[in-house]
Amino acid sequence: MELMKLLKLIFAGFVAFSLMSGVAFADPVKGQKYYLKTMSKQTGLKGDKFAALHTQAEWKKLFENNGEGFIKEMSAKFPSLAEFFASDNFKNKIMEDLKDFCIHYASDSGNVPSC
């Protein structure tokens, strides 16, 4: 009986971990690194200036619906990045961390990145 309880507990923990793993590991520091590596040259903006383009609420709104608003706005502002924003690499690997970076260092956040 004890073995069954233990197996159920382990299974429940595994399910809970797998459900939250996608969003739980988004990271503003990682997002800052992605911004510096993939976007800063094309935007001509340091990370602090880029993140300060919007408030936290505005960034959250732009990143809704799989970043639809973000991709549309930033592709229009920075046409050289449009293809990058449409890529699976951006959508699947970079966007969540970039979102956290933008929200964490938004104009109304009180935080200032070191880039």
C-alpha atoms as a PDB file:
ATOM      1  CA  MET A   1       0.000   0.000   0.000  1.00  0.00           C
ATOM      2  CA  GLU A   2       2.754   2.450   0.902  1.00  0.00           C
ATOM      3  CA  LEU A   3       4.433   1.864  -2.460  1.00  0.00           C
ATOM      4  CA  MET A   4       1.244   2.823  -4.318  1.00  0.00           C
ATOM      5  CA  LYS A   5       0.936   6.049  -2.319  1.00  0.00           C
ATOM      6  CA  LEU A   6       4.550   6.896  -3.063  1.00  0.00           C
ATOM      7  CA  LEU A   7       4.118   6.202  -6.784  1.00  0.00           C
ATOM      8  CA  LYS A   8       0.979   8.366  -6.900  1.00  0.00           C
ATOM      9  CA  LEU A   9       2.805  11.191  -5.141  1.00  0.00           C
ATOM     10  CA  ILE A  10       5.755  10.963  -7.531  1.00  0.00           C
ATOM     11  CA  PHE A  11       3.422  10.915 -10.529  1.00  0.00           C
ATOM     12  CA  ALA A  12       1.466  13.936  -9.238  1.00  0.00           C
ATOM     13  CA  GLY A  13       4.719  15.837  -8.711  1.00  0.00           C
ATOM     14  CA  PHE A  14       5.890  14.999 -12.209  1.00  0.00           C
ATOM     15  CA  VAL A  15       2.606  16.191 -13.739  1.00  0.00           C
ATOM     16  CA  ALA A  16       2.666  19.443 -11.745  1.00  0.00           C
ATOM     17  CA  PHE A  17       6.279  20.117 -12.709  1.00  0.00           C
ATOM     18  CA  SER A  18       5.653  19.472 -16.399  1.00  0.00           C
ATOM     19  CA  LEU A  19       2.632  21.777 -16.461  1.00  0.00           C
ATOM     20  CA  MET A  20       4.481  24.764 -15.053  1.00  0.00           C
ATOM     21  CA  SER A  21       7.912  24.240 -16.575  1.00  0.00           C
ATOM     22  CA  GLY A  22       7.351  26.318 -19.734  1.00  0.00           C
ATOM     23  CA  VAL A  23       6.550  29.622 -18.098  1.00  0.00           C
ATOM     24  CA  ALA A  24       8.215  29.052 -14.755  1.00  0.00           C
ATOM     25  CA  PHE A  25      11.690  29.160 -16.219  1.00  0.00           C
ATOM     26  CA  ALA A  26      11.398  32.366 -18.246  1.00  0.00           C
ATOM     27  CA  ASP A  27      14.197  34.635 -17.068  1.00  0.00           C
ATOM     28  CA  PRO A  28      14.824  38.394 -17.434  1.00  0.00           C
ATOM     29  CA  VAL A  29      18.613  37.901 -17.284  1.00  0.00           C
ATOM     30  CA  LYS A  30      18.450  35.360 -20.083  1.00  0.00           C
ATOM     31  CA  GLY A  31      16.123  37.723 -21.985  1.00  0.00           C
ATOM     32  CA  GLN A  32      18.676  40.516 -21.597  1.00  0.00           C
ATOM     33  CA  LYS A  33      21.379  38.267 -23.059  1.00  0.00           C
ATOM     34  CA  TYR A  34      19.129  37.328 -25.975  1.00  0.00           C
ATOM     35  CA  TYR A  35      18.357  41.010 -26.581  1.00  0.00           C
ATOM     36  CA  LEU A  36      22.047  41.951 -26.613  1.00  0.00           C
ATOM     37  CA  LYS A  37      23.025  39.025 -28.818  1.00  0.00           C
ATOM     38  CA  THR A  38      20.196  39.075 -31.358  1.00  0.00           C
ATOM     39  CA  MET A  39      18.549  42.505 -31.408  1.00  0.00           C
ATOM     40  CA  SER A  40      20.583  45.407 -30.012  1.00  0.00           C
ATOM     41  CA  LYS A  41      22.603  46.132 -33.156  1.00  0.00           C
ATOM     42  CA  GLN A  42      19.521  46.203 -35.386  1.00  0.00           C
ATOM     43  CA  THR A  43      17.466  48.347 -33.011  1.00  0.00           C
ATOM     44  CA  GLY A  44      20.294  50.735 -32.209  1.00  0.00           C
ATOM     45  CA  LEU A  45      19.053  50.797 -28.607  1.00  0.00           C
ATOM     46  CA  LYS A  46      20.757  49.671 -25.436  1.00  0.00           C
ATOM     47  CA  GLY A  47      18.712  47.242 -23.374  1.00  0.00           C
ATOM     48  CA  ASP A  48      17.517  49.878 -20.911  1.00  0.00           C
ATOM     49  CA  LYS A  49      16.169  52.100 -23.698  1.00  0.00           C
ATOM     50  CA  PHE A  50      14.470  49.192 -25.457  1.00  0.00           C
ATOM     51  CA  ALA A  51      12.740  47.889 -22.319  1.00  0.00           C
ATOM     52  CA  ALA A  52      11.671  51.442 -21.427  1.00  0.00           C
ATOM     53  CA  LEU A  53       9.726  51.778 -24.696  1.00  0.00           C
ATOM     54  CA  HIS A  54       6.651  50.540 -22.807  1.00  0.00           C
ATOM     55  CA  THR A  55       5.178  50.132 -19.337  1.00  0.00           C
ATOM     56  CA  GLN A  56       4.784  46.716 -17.738  1.00  0.00           C
ATOM     57  CA  ALA A  57       1.098  46.591 -18.672  1.00  0.00           C
ATOM     58  CA  GLU A  58       1.867  47.574 -22.262  1.00  0.00           C
ATOM     59  CA  TRP A  59       4.533  44.859 -22.589  1.00  0.00           C
ATOM     60  CA  LYS A  60       2.144  42.261 -21.156  1.00  0.00           C
ATOM     61  CA  LYS A  61      -0.492  43.285 -23.697  1.00  0.00           C
ATOM     62  CA  LEU A  62       2.001  43.165 -26.591  1.00  0.00           C
ATOM     63  CA  PHE A  63       3.105  39.646 -25.653  1.00  0.00           C
ATOM     64  CA  GLU A  64      -0.444  38.252 -25.452  1.00  0.00           C
ATOM     65  CA  ASN A  65      -1.537  35.730 -28.094  1.00  0.00           C
ATOM     66  CA  ASN A  66       1.941  34.311 -28.640  1.00  0.00           C
ATOM     67  CA  GLY A  67       3.492  37.757 -28.945  1.00  0.00           C
ATOM     68  CA  GLU A  68       1.294  38.814 -31.845  1.00  0.00           C
ATOM     69  CA  GLY A  69       1.289  42.513 -30.900  1.00  0.00           C
ATOM     70  CA  PHE A  70       5.004  42.533 -30.102  1.00  0.00           C
ATOM     71  CA  ILE A  71       5.922  40.899 -33.403  1.00  0.00           C
ATOM     72  CA  LYS A  72       3.693  43.282 -35.374  1.00  0.00           C
ATOM     73  CA  GLU A  73       4.925  46.455 -33.642  1.00  0.00           C
ATOM     74  CA  MET A  74       8.609  45.582 -33.551  1.00  0.00           C
ATOM     75  CA  SER A  75       8.632  44.281 -37.129  1.00  0.00           C
ATOM     76  CA  ALA A  76       7.227  47.647 -38.233  1.00  0.00           C
ATOM     77  CA  LYS A  77       9.724  49.644 -36.116  1.00  0.00           C
ATOM     78  CA  PHE A  78      12.705  47.447 -36.997  1.00  0.00           C
ATOM     79  CA  PRO A  79      12.087  45.877 -40.435  1.00  0.00           C
ATOM     80  CA  SER A  80      15.501  44.204 -40.443  1.00  0.00           C
ATOM     81  CA  LEU A  81      14.273  42.034 -37.539  1.00  0.00           C
ATOM     82  CA  ALA A  82      10.900  41.037 -39.046  1.00  0.00           C
ATOM     83  CA  GLU A  83      12.148  37.679 -40.321  1.00  0.00           C
ATOM     84  CA  PHE A  84      13.791  36.942 -36.968  1.00  0.00           C
ATOM     85  CA  PHE A  85      10.563  37.727 -35.065  1.00  0.00           C
ATOM     86  CA  ALA A  86       8.618  35.371 -37.354  1.00  0.00           C
ATOM     87  CA  SER A  87      11.083  32.519 -36.806  1.00  0.00           C
ATOM     88  CA  ASP A  88      10.384  29.417 -34.749  1.00  0.00           C
ATOM     89  CA  ASN A  89      13.637  30.068 -32.888  1.00  0.00           C
ATOM     90  CA  PHE A  90      12.299  33.406 -31.642  1.00  0.00           C
ATOM     91  CA  LYS A  91       8.824  32.113 -30.837  1.00  0.00           C
ATOM     92  CA  ASN A  92       9.895  28.866 -29.182  1.00  0.00           C
ATOM     93  CA  LYS A  93      13.198  29.730 -27.537  1.00  0.00           C
ATOM     94  CA  ILE A  94      13.654  33.476 -27.060  1.00  0.00           C
ATOM     95  CA  MET A  95      10.262  35.159 -26.708  1.00  0.00           C
ATOM     96  CA  GLU A  96       9.363  34.119 -23.131  1.00  0.00           C
ATOM     97  CA  ASP A  97      12.717  35.252 -21.746  1.00  0.00           C
ATOM     98  CA  LEU A  98      12.599  38.480 -23.783  1.00  0.00           C
ATOM     99  CA  LYS A  99       9.091  39.102 -22.457  1.00  0.00           C
ATOM    100  CA  ASP A 100      10.351  38.749 -18.881  1.00  0.00           C
ATOM    101  CA  PHE A 101      13.250  41.099 -19.661  1.00  0.00           C
ATOM    102  CA  CYS A 102      10.932  43.748 -21.124  1.00  0.00           C
ATOM    103  CA  ILE A 103       8.444  43.551 -18.254  1.00  0.00           C
ATOM    104  CA  HIS A 104      11.130  43.456 -15.550  1.00  0.00           C
ATOM    105  CA  TYR A 105      12.850  46.570 -16.947  1.00  0.00           C
ATOM    106  CA  ALA A 106       9.785  48.412 -18.297  1.00  0.00           C
ATOM    107  CA  SER A 107       9.598  52.192 -18.009  1.00  0.00           C
ATOM    108  CA  ASP A 108       7.481  51.984 -14.843  1.00  0.00           C
ATOM    109  CA  SER A 109       9.347  49.104 -13.173  1.00  0.00           C
ATOM    110  CA  GLY A 110      12.023  51.039 -11.296  1.00  0.00           C
ATOM    111  CA  ASN A 111      14.606  48.497 -12.476  1.00  0.00           C
ATOM    112  CA  VAL A 112      17.569  49.356 -14.698  1.00  0.00           C
ATOM    113  CA  PRO A 113      19.426  46.672 -16.670  1.00  0.00           C
ATOM    114  CA  SER A 114      23.191  46.676 -16.881  1.00  0.00           C
ATOM    115  CA  CYS A 115      23.325  46.842 -20.669  1.00  0.00           C
END
